[in-house]
Amino acid sequence: MISDQSLTVAGLPPEGRGRVLLIACGALAREILALKAANRWDHLDLTCLPANLHLYPERITAAVAAAVEKHRAAYATIYVVYADCGTGGQLQAKCAELGVDMVPGPHCYAFFEGNDTFAAHADTEATAFYLTDFLVRQFEAFVWRPMGFDRHPELIPMMFGNYEKLVFLAQTDDPALDEKARAAAQKLGLAYERRLTGYGDLAVELARL
């Protein structure tokens, strides 16, 4: 639900009235644009923060707050398209302080599968490593190289020894991504499972706007 504080239109430029700005993680840009196009949500504007902020979650809250302050005067409603994303509740607290709403859930894995569905089997999947479409495409840049596996493959069993399977939460039915995800599982020495989730709660939340 959009907070009352974000609905004030006094003083807004005419082009901002009735429009919604999405401040989103860059890792979600493709999915958001696909939903906008499919549903003709032309009233939604999108600005993205760098996807690699996920490598430094302690920086996400400040980056989102700066983006809200930068665009606040131009929009009646601003919606933050991040989940908690490793901020330990800090992002939610900052959004509440700023009077803007955000996507509920702990991370994109949960809201793509559906927060309730993900929570229902979370206890039985403590040994699962999750990838989304974006992370499959960017596996080398966001997993393989940052963890040093390209230089020190001996680290793989040290860092993934307690994992049992890689779960690909697929937003699209793409055989090429399926093959890339399967290859990633093999590189990490994990069993492989694919679940076609679609856009999950992301679509539900954007539809409310």
C-alpha atoms as a PDB file:
ATOM      1  CA  MET A   1       0.000   0.000   0.000  1.00  0.00           C
ATOM      2  CA  ILE A   2       1.301   3.463  -0.874  1.00  0.00           C
ATOM      3  CA  SER A   3       1.742   5.741   2.105  1.00  0.00           C
ATOM      4  CA  ASP A   4      -0.256   8.992   2.316  1.00  0.00           C
ATOM      5  CA  GLN A   5       2.939  10.981   2.642  1.00  0.00           C
ATOM      6  CA  SER A   6       4.007  10.001  -0.863  1.00  0.00           C
ATOM      7  CA  LEU A   7       0.762  11.194  -2.470  1.00  0.00           C
ATOM      8  CA  THR A   8       1.131  14.940  -1.967  1.00  0.00           C
ATOM      9  CA  VAL A   9       0.946  16.680  -5.355  1.00  0.00           C
ATOM     10  CA  ALA A  10       1.196  20.329  -4.344  1.00  0.00           C
ATOM     11  CA  GLY A  11       4.123  21.976  -6.050  1.00  0.00           C
ATOM     12  CA  LEU A  12       4.814  19.096  -8.409  1.00  0.00           C
ATOM     13  CA  PRO A  13       5.635  19.848 -12.040  1.00  0.00           C
ATOM     14  CA  PRO A  14       2.686  18.872 -14.276  1.00  0.00           C
ATOM     15  CA  GLU A  15       4.616  16.017 -15.858  1.00  0.00           C
ATOM     16  CA  GLY A  16       5.074  14.387 -12.446  1.00  0.00           C
ATOM     17  CA  ARG A  17       1.436  14.366 -11.396  1.00  0.00           C
ATOM     18  CA  GLY A  18      -0.164  10.969 -11.649  1.00  0.00           C
ATOM     19  CA  ARG A  19       3.143   9.289 -12.425  1.00  0.00           C
ATOM     20  CA  VAL A  20       5.064   6.821 -10.294  1.00  0.00           C
ATOM     21  CA  LEU A  21       8.833   6.605 -10.144  1.00  0.00           C
ATOM     22  CA  LEU A  22      10.331   3.189  -9.510  1.00  0.00           C
ATOM     23  CA  ILE A  23      13.766   3.333  -7.892  1.00  0.00           C
ATOM     24  CA  ALA A  24      15.021  -0.143  -8.578  1.00  0.00           C
ATOM     25  CA  CYS A  25      17.962  -2.456  -8.323  1.00  0.00           C
ATOM     26  CA  GLY A  26      19.678  -2.674 -11.691  1.00  0.00           C
ATOM     27  CA  ALA A  27      19.388  -6.455 -11.480  1.00  0.00           C
ATOM     28  CA  LEU A  28      15.611  -6.049 -11.919  1.00  0.00           C
ATOM     29  CA  ALA A  29      15.630  -3.647 -14.866  1.00  0.00           C
ATOM     30  CA  ARG A  30      14.905  -6.236 -17.563  1.00  0.00           C
ATOM     31  CA  GLU A  31      12.010  -7.728 -15.607  1.00  0.00           C
ATOM     32  CA  ILE A  32      10.460  -4.361 -14.767  1.00  0.00           C
ATOM     33  CA  LEU A  33      10.669  -3.171 -18.362  1.00  0.00           C
ATOM     34  CA  ALA A  34       9.087  -6.427 -19.535  1.00  0.00           C
ATOM     35  CA  LEU A  35       6.200  -5.997 -17.092  1.00  0.00           C
ATOM     36  CA  LYS A  36       5.738  -2.354 -18.085  1.00  0.00           C
ATOM     37  CA  ALA A  37       5.557  -3.255 -21.755  1.00  0.00           C
ATOM     38  CA  ALA A  38       3.302  -6.288 -21.329  1.00  0.00           C
ATOM     39  CA  ASN A  39       0.806  -4.427 -19.148  1.00  0.00           C
ATOM     40  CA  ARG A  40       1.106  -0.987 -20.779  1.00  0.00           C
ATOM     41  CA  TRP A  41       1.997   0.590 -17.460  1.00  0.00           C
ATOM     42  CA  ASP A  42       3.016   3.822 -19.146  1.00  0.00           C
ATOM     43  CA  HIS A  43       2.546   5.822 -15.933  1.00  0.00           C
ATOM     44  CA  LEU A  44       5.528   4.049 -14.351  1.00  0.00           C
ATOM     45  CA  ASP A  45       8.961   5.603 -14.820  1.00  0.00           C
ATOM     46  CA  LEU A  46      12.117   3.692 -13.953  1.00  0.00           C
ATOM     47  CA  THR A  47      15.498   4.671 -12.625  1.00  0.00           C
ATOM     48  CA  CYS A  48      17.989   1.998 -11.587  1.00  0.00           C
ATOM     49  CA  LEU A  49      20.857   1.912  -9.161  1.00  0.00           C
ATOM     50  CA  PRO A  50      23.917  -0.174 -10.061  1.00  0.00           C
ATOM     51  CA  ALA A  51      23.283  -3.900  -9.772  1.00  0.00           C
ATOM     52  CA  ASN A  52      26.717  -4.410  -8.237  1.00  0.00           C
ATOM     53  CA  LEU A  53      25.528  -2.712  -5.036  1.00  0.00           C
ATOM     54  CA  HIS A  54      24.536  -6.243  -4.075  1.00  0.00           C
ATOM     55  CA  LEU A  55      28.220  -6.966  -3.630  1.00  0.00           C
ATOM     56  CA  TYR A  56      28.216  -4.202  -0.977  1.00  0.00           C
ATOM     57  CA  PRO A  57      24.805  -4.367   0.744  1.00  0.00           C
ATOM     58  CA  GLU A  58      25.926  -1.908   3.399  1.00  0.00           C
ATOM     59  CA  ARG A  59      25.816   0.773   0.664  1.00  0.00           C
ATOM     60  CA  ILE A  60      22.285   0.086  -0.584  1.00  0.00           C
ATOM     61  CA  THR A  61      20.347   2.089   2.006  1.00  0.00           C
ATOM     62  CA  ALA A  62      22.321   5.297   1.494  1.00  0.00           C
ATOM     63  CA  ALA A  63      22.126   4.960  -2.296  1.00  0.00           C
ATOM     64  CA  VAL A  64      18.362   4.473  -2.236  1.00  0.00           C
ATOM     65  CA  ALA A  65      17.880   7.401   0.164  1.00  0.00           C
ATOM     66  CA  ALA A  66      19.938   9.673  -2.089  1.00  0.00           C
ATOM     67  CA  ALA A  67      17.866   8.646  -5.119  1.00  0.00           C
ATOM     68  CA  VAL A  68      14.595   9.314  -3.273  1.00  0.00           C
ATOM     69  CA  GLU A  69      15.748  12.782  -2.251  1.00  0.00           C
ATOM     70  CA  LYS A  70      16.972  13.526  -5.771  1.00  0.00           C
ATOM     71  CA  HIS A  71      13.611  12.725  -7.397  1.00  0.00           C
ATOM     72  CA  ARG A  72      11.109  13.500  -4.636  1.00  0.00           C
ATOM     73  CA  ALA A  73      10.156  16.944  -5.949  1.00  0.00           C
ATOM     74  CA  ALA A  74       9.252  15.607  -9.391  1.00  0.00           C
ATOM     75  CA  TYR A  75       6.897  12.732  -8.499  1.00  0.00           C
ATOM     76  CA  ALA A  76       3.713  12.243  -6.533  1.00  0.00           C
ATOM     77  CA  THR A  77       4.690   8.667  -5.729  1.00  0.00           C
ATOM     78  CA  ILE A  78       8.052   6.970  -5.418  1.00  0.00           C
ATOM     79  CA  TYR A  79       8.270   3.211  -4.957  1.00  0.00           C
ATOM     80  CA  VAL A  80      11.476   1.381  -4.073  1.00  0.00           C
ATOM     81  CA  VAL A  81      11.937  -1.862  -5.971  1.00  0.00           C
ATOM     82  CA  TYR A  82      14.351  -3.521  -3.596  1.00  0.00           C
ATOM     83  CA  ALA A  83      13.670  -6.152  -0.972  1.00  0.00           C
ATOM     84  CA  ASP A  84      15.758  -6.105   2.217  1.00  0.00           C
ATOM     85  CA  CYS A  85      18.724  -7.375   0.167  1.00  0.00           C
ATOM     86  CA  GLY A  86      21.066  -7.943   3.086  1.00  0.00           C
ATOM     87  CA  THR A  87      20.602  -4.539   4.727  1.00  0.00           C
ATOM     88  CA  GLY A  88      19.401  -6.059   7.993  1.00  0.00           C
ATOM     89  CA  GLY A  89      16.196  -4.039   8.060  1.00  0.00           C
ATOM     90  CA  GLN A  90      17.979  -0.718   7.498  1.00  0.00           C
ATOM     91  CA  LEU A  91      16.471  -0.162   4.059  1.00  0.00           C
ATOM     92  CA  GLN A  92      12.920  -0.717   5.299  1.00  0.00           C
ATOM     93  CA  ALA A  93      13.492   1.647   8.216  1.00  0.00           C
ATOM     94  CA  LYS A  94      14.900   4.332   5.920  1.00  0.00           C
ATOM     95  CA  CYS A  95      12.005   3.985   3.466  1.00  0.00           C
ATOM     96  CA  ALA A  96       9.543   4.369   6.341  1.00  0.00           C
ATOM     97  CA  GLU A  97      11.412   7.458   7.496  1.00  0.00           C
ATOM     98  CA  LEU A  98      11.282   8.904   3.968  1.00  0.00           C
ATOM     99  CA  GLY A  99       7.612   8.046   3.516  1.00  0.00           C
ATOM    100  CA  VAL A 100       8.046   5.719   0.550  1.00  0.00           C
ATOM    101  CA  ASP A 101       7.053   2.081   0.177  1.00  0.00           C
ATOM    102  CA  MET A 102       9.158  -0.820  -1.052  1.00  0.00           C
ATOM    103  CA  VAL A 103       8.776  -4.389  -2.251  1.00  0.00           C
ATOM    104  CA  PRO A 104       8.211  -6.699   0.736  1.00  0.00           C
ATOM    105  CA  GLY A 105      10.431  -9.687   1.340  1.00  0.00           C
ATOM    106  CA  PRO A 106      14.000 -10.600   2.271  1.00  0.00           C
ATOM    107  CA  HIS A 107      15.439 -10.694  -1.268  1.00  0.00           C
ATOM    108  CA  CYS A 108      14.561 -11.096  -4.936  1.00  0.00           C
ATOM    109  CA  TYR A 109      14.671 -14.904  -4.722  1.00  0.00           C
ATOM    110  CA  ALA A 110      11.726 -14.768  -2.337  1.00  0.00           C
ATOM    111  CA  PHE A 111       9.544 -12.290  -4.180  1.00  0.00           C
ATOM    112  CA  PHE A 112      10.149 -13.922  -7.555  1.00  0.00           C
ATOM    113  CA  GLU A 113       9.013 -17.267  -6.214  1.00  0.00           C
ATOM    114  CA  GLY A 114       6.376 -15.556  -4.065  1.00  0.00           C
ATOM    115  CA  ASN A 115       7.246 -14.594  -0.507  1.00  0.00           C
ATOM    116  CA  ASP A 116       4.766 -17.019   1.044  1.00  0.00           C
ATOM    117  CA  THR A 117       5.872 -19.919  -1.156  1.00  0.00           C
ATOM    118  CA  PHE A 118       9.539 -19.228  -0.503  1.00  0.00           C
ATOM    119  CA  ALA A 119       9.009 -18.988   3.244  1.00  0.00           C
ATOM    120  CA  ALA A 120       7.058 -22.255   3.292  1.00  0.00           C
ATOM    121  CA  HIS A 121      10.067 -24.308   2.193  1.00  0.00           C
ATOM    122  CA  ALA A 122      12.897 -22.098   3.486  1.00  0.00           C
ATOM    123  CA  ASP A 123      13.574 -24.386   6.441  1.00  0.00           C
ATOM    124  CA  THR A 124      14.054 -27.402   4.193  1.00  0.00           C
ATOM    125  CA  GLU A 125      16.295 -25.586   1.711  1.00  0.00           C
ATOM    126  CA  ALA A 126      19.022 -24.217   3.903  1.00  0.00           C
ATOM    127  CA  THR A 127      21.525 -25.978   1.635  1.00  0.00           C
ATOM    128  CA  ALA A 128      20.183 -24.433  -1.602  1.00  0.00           C
ATOM    129  CA  PHE A 129      21.991 -21.736  -3.570  1.00  0.00           C
ATOM    130  CA  TYR A 130      19.634 -19.603  -5.676  1.00  0.00           C
ATOM    131  CA  LEU A 131      20.045 -17.873  -9.005  1.00  0.00           C
ATOM    132  CA  THR A 132      17.630 -15.683 -10.967  1.00  0.00           C
ATOM    133  CA  ASP A 133      17.665 -14.905 -14.692  1.00  0.00           C
ATOM    134  CA  PHE A 134      19.912 -11.923 -14.036  1.00  0.00           C
ATOM    135  CA  LEU A 135      22.366 -13.881 -11.902  1.00  0.00           C
ATOM    136  CA  VAL A 136      22.555 -16.659 -14.463  1.00  0.00           C
ATOM    137  CA  ARG A 137      23.410 -14.120 -17.161  1.00  0.00           C
ATOM    138  CA  GLN A 138      25.929 -12.435 -14.844  1.00  0.00           C
ATOM    139  CA  PHE A 139      27.231 -15.528 -13.062  1.00  0.00           C
ATOM    140  CA  GLU A 140      30.854 -14.795 -13.910  1.00  0.00           C
ATOM    141  CA  ALA A 141      30.647 -11.138 -12.840  1.00  0.00           C
ATOM    142  CA  PHE A 142      28.541 -11.554  -9.698  1.00  0.00           C
ATOM    143  CA  VAL A 143      29.542 -14.980  -8.370  1.00  0.00           C
ATOM    144  CA  TRP A 144      32.535 -16.592 -10.015  1.00  0.00           C
ATOM    145  CA  ARG A 145      35.021 -13.715 -10.109  1.00  0.00           C
ATOM    146  CA  PRO A 146      34.003 -11.831  -6.923  1.00  0.00           C
ATOM    147  CA  MET A 147      34.426 -15.039  -4.922  1.00  0.00           C
ATOM    148  CA  GLY A 148      37.832 -15.589  -6.492  1.00  0.00           C
ATOM    149  CA  PHE A 149      36.982 -18.938  -8.077  1.00  0.00           C
ATOM    150  CA  ASP A 150      38.580 -17.930 -11.385  1.00  0.00           C
ATOM    151  CA  ARG A 151      41.912 -17.560  -9.594  1.00  0.00           C
ATOM    152  CA  HIS A 152      41.535 -20.031  -6.750  1.00  0.00           C
ATOM    153  CA  PRO A 153      39.204 -22.913  -7.636  1.00  0.00           C
ATOM    154  CA  GLU A 154      40.279 -24.630  -4.433  1.00  0.00           C
ATOM    155  CA  LEU A 155      38.000 -22.163  -2.632  1.00  0.00           C
ATOM    156  CA  ILE A 156      34.875 -23.752  -4.144  1.00  0.00           C
ATOM    157  CA  PRO A 157      34.605 -26.701  -1.722  1.00  0.00           C
ATOM    158  CA  MET A 158      35.493 -24.387   1.164  1.00  0.00           C
ATOM    159  CA  MET A 159      32.712 -21.906   0.351  1.00  0.00           C
ATOM    160  CA  PHE A 160      30.118 -24.252  -1.137  1.00  0.00           C
ATOM    161  CA  GLY A 161      30.836 -27.421   0.789  1.00  0.00           C
ATOM    162  CA  ASN A 162      27.650 -27.086   2.819  1.00  0.00           C
ATOM    163  CA  TYR A 163      25.429 -26.471  -0.209  1.00  0.00           C
ATOM    164  CA  GLU A 164      23.720 -29.394  -1.912  1.00  0.00           C
ATOM    165  CA  LYS A 165      21.921 -27.914  -4.900  1.00  0.00           C
ATOM    166  CA  LEU A 166      21.647 -24.870  -7.102  1.00  0.00           C
ATOM    167  CA  VAL A 167      18.054 -23.736  -7.650  1.00  0.00           C
ATOM    168  CA  PHE A 168      17.422 -21.637 -10.740  1.00  0.00           C
ATOM    169  CA  LEU A 169      14.340 -19.496 -10.132  1.00  0.00           C
ATOM    170  CA  ALA A 170      13.553 -18.711 -13.767  1.00  0.00           C
ATOM    171  CA  GLN A 171      11.572 -15.632 -14.693  1.00  0.00           C
ATOM    172  CA  THR A 172      11.420 -16.634 -18.357  1.00  0.00           C
ATOM    173  CA  ASP A 173      11.250 -19.981 -20.133  1.00  0.00           C
ATOM    174  CA  ASP A 174      14.622 -19.709 -21.857  1.00  0.00           C
ATOM    175  CA  PRO A 175      16.487 -22.932 -22.742  1.00  0.00           C
ATOM    176  CA  ALA A 176      19.742 -21.022 -23.175  1.00  0.00           C
ATOM    177  CA  LEU A 177      19.551 -19.690 -19.614  1.00  0.00           C
ATOM    178  CA  ASP A 178      18.637 -23.166 -18.402  1.00  0.00           C
ATOM    179  CA  GLU A 179      21.855 -24.498 -19.917  1.00  0.00           C
ATOM    180  CA  LYS A 180      23.907 -21.693 -18.402  1.00  0.00           C
ATOM    181  CA  ALA A 181      22.400 -22.321 -14.976  1.00  0.00           C
ATOM    182  CA  ARG A 182      23.052 -26.046 -15.273  1.00  0.00           C
ATOM    183  CA  ALA A 183      26.662 -25.303 -16.210  1.00  0.00           C
ATOM    184  CA  ALA A 184      26.988 -23.030 -13.175  1.00  0.00           C
ATOM    185  CA  ALA A 185      25.749 -25.824 -10.932  1.00  0.00           C
ATOM    186  CA  GLN A 186      28.331 -28.182 -12.402  1.00  0.00           C
ATOM    187  CA  LYS A 187      31.112 -25.654 -11.847  1.00  0.00           C
ATOM    188  CA  LEU A 188      30.100 -25.339  -8.205  1.00  0.00           C
ATOM    189  CA  GLY A 189      29.715 -29.094  -7.767  1.00  0.00           C
ATOM    190  CA  LEU A 190      26.006 -28.867  -6.935  1.00  0.00           C
ATOM    191  CA  ALA A 191      22.888 -30.732  -7.985  1.00  0.00           C
ATOM    192  CA  TYR A 192      20.606 -28.722 -10.249  1.00  0.00           C
ATOM    193  CA  GLU A 193      16.937 -27.763 -10.041  1.00  0.00           C
ATOM    194  CA  ARG A 194      14.981 -25.305 -12.175  1.00  0.00           C
ATOM    195  CA  ARG A 195      11.712 -23.667 -11.132  1.00  0.00           C
ATOM    196  CA  LEU A 196       9.793 -21.480 -13.549  1.00  0.00           C
ATOM    197  CA  THR A 197       8.514 -18.742 -11.227  1.00  0.00           C
ATOM    198  CA  GLY A 198       7.684 -15.973 -13.660  1.00  0.00           C
ATOM    199  CA  TYR A 199       7.727 -12.536 -12.029  1.00  0.00           C
ATOM    200  CA  GLY A 200       5.994 -13.610  -8.826  1.00  0.00           C
ATOM    201  CA  ASP A 201       5.228 -10.935  -6.274  1.00  0.00           C
ATOM    202  CA  LEU A 202       7.098  -8.334  -8.305  1.00  0.00           C
ATOM    203  CA  ALA A 203       4.233  -8.316 -10.813  1.00  0.00           C
ATOM    204  CA  VAL A 204       1.670  -8.190  -8.012  1.00  0.00           C
ATOM    205  CA  GLU A 205       3.344  -5.228  -6.319  1.00  0.00           C
ATOM    206  CA  LEU A 206       3.783  -3.207  -9.508  1.00  0.00           C
ATOM    207  CA  ALA A 207       0.161  -3.883 -10.483  1.00  0.00           C
ATOM    208  CA  ARG A 208      -0.945  -2.150  -7.274  1.00  0.00           C
ATOM    209  CA  LEU A 209       0.709   1.039  -8.457  1.00  0.00           C
END
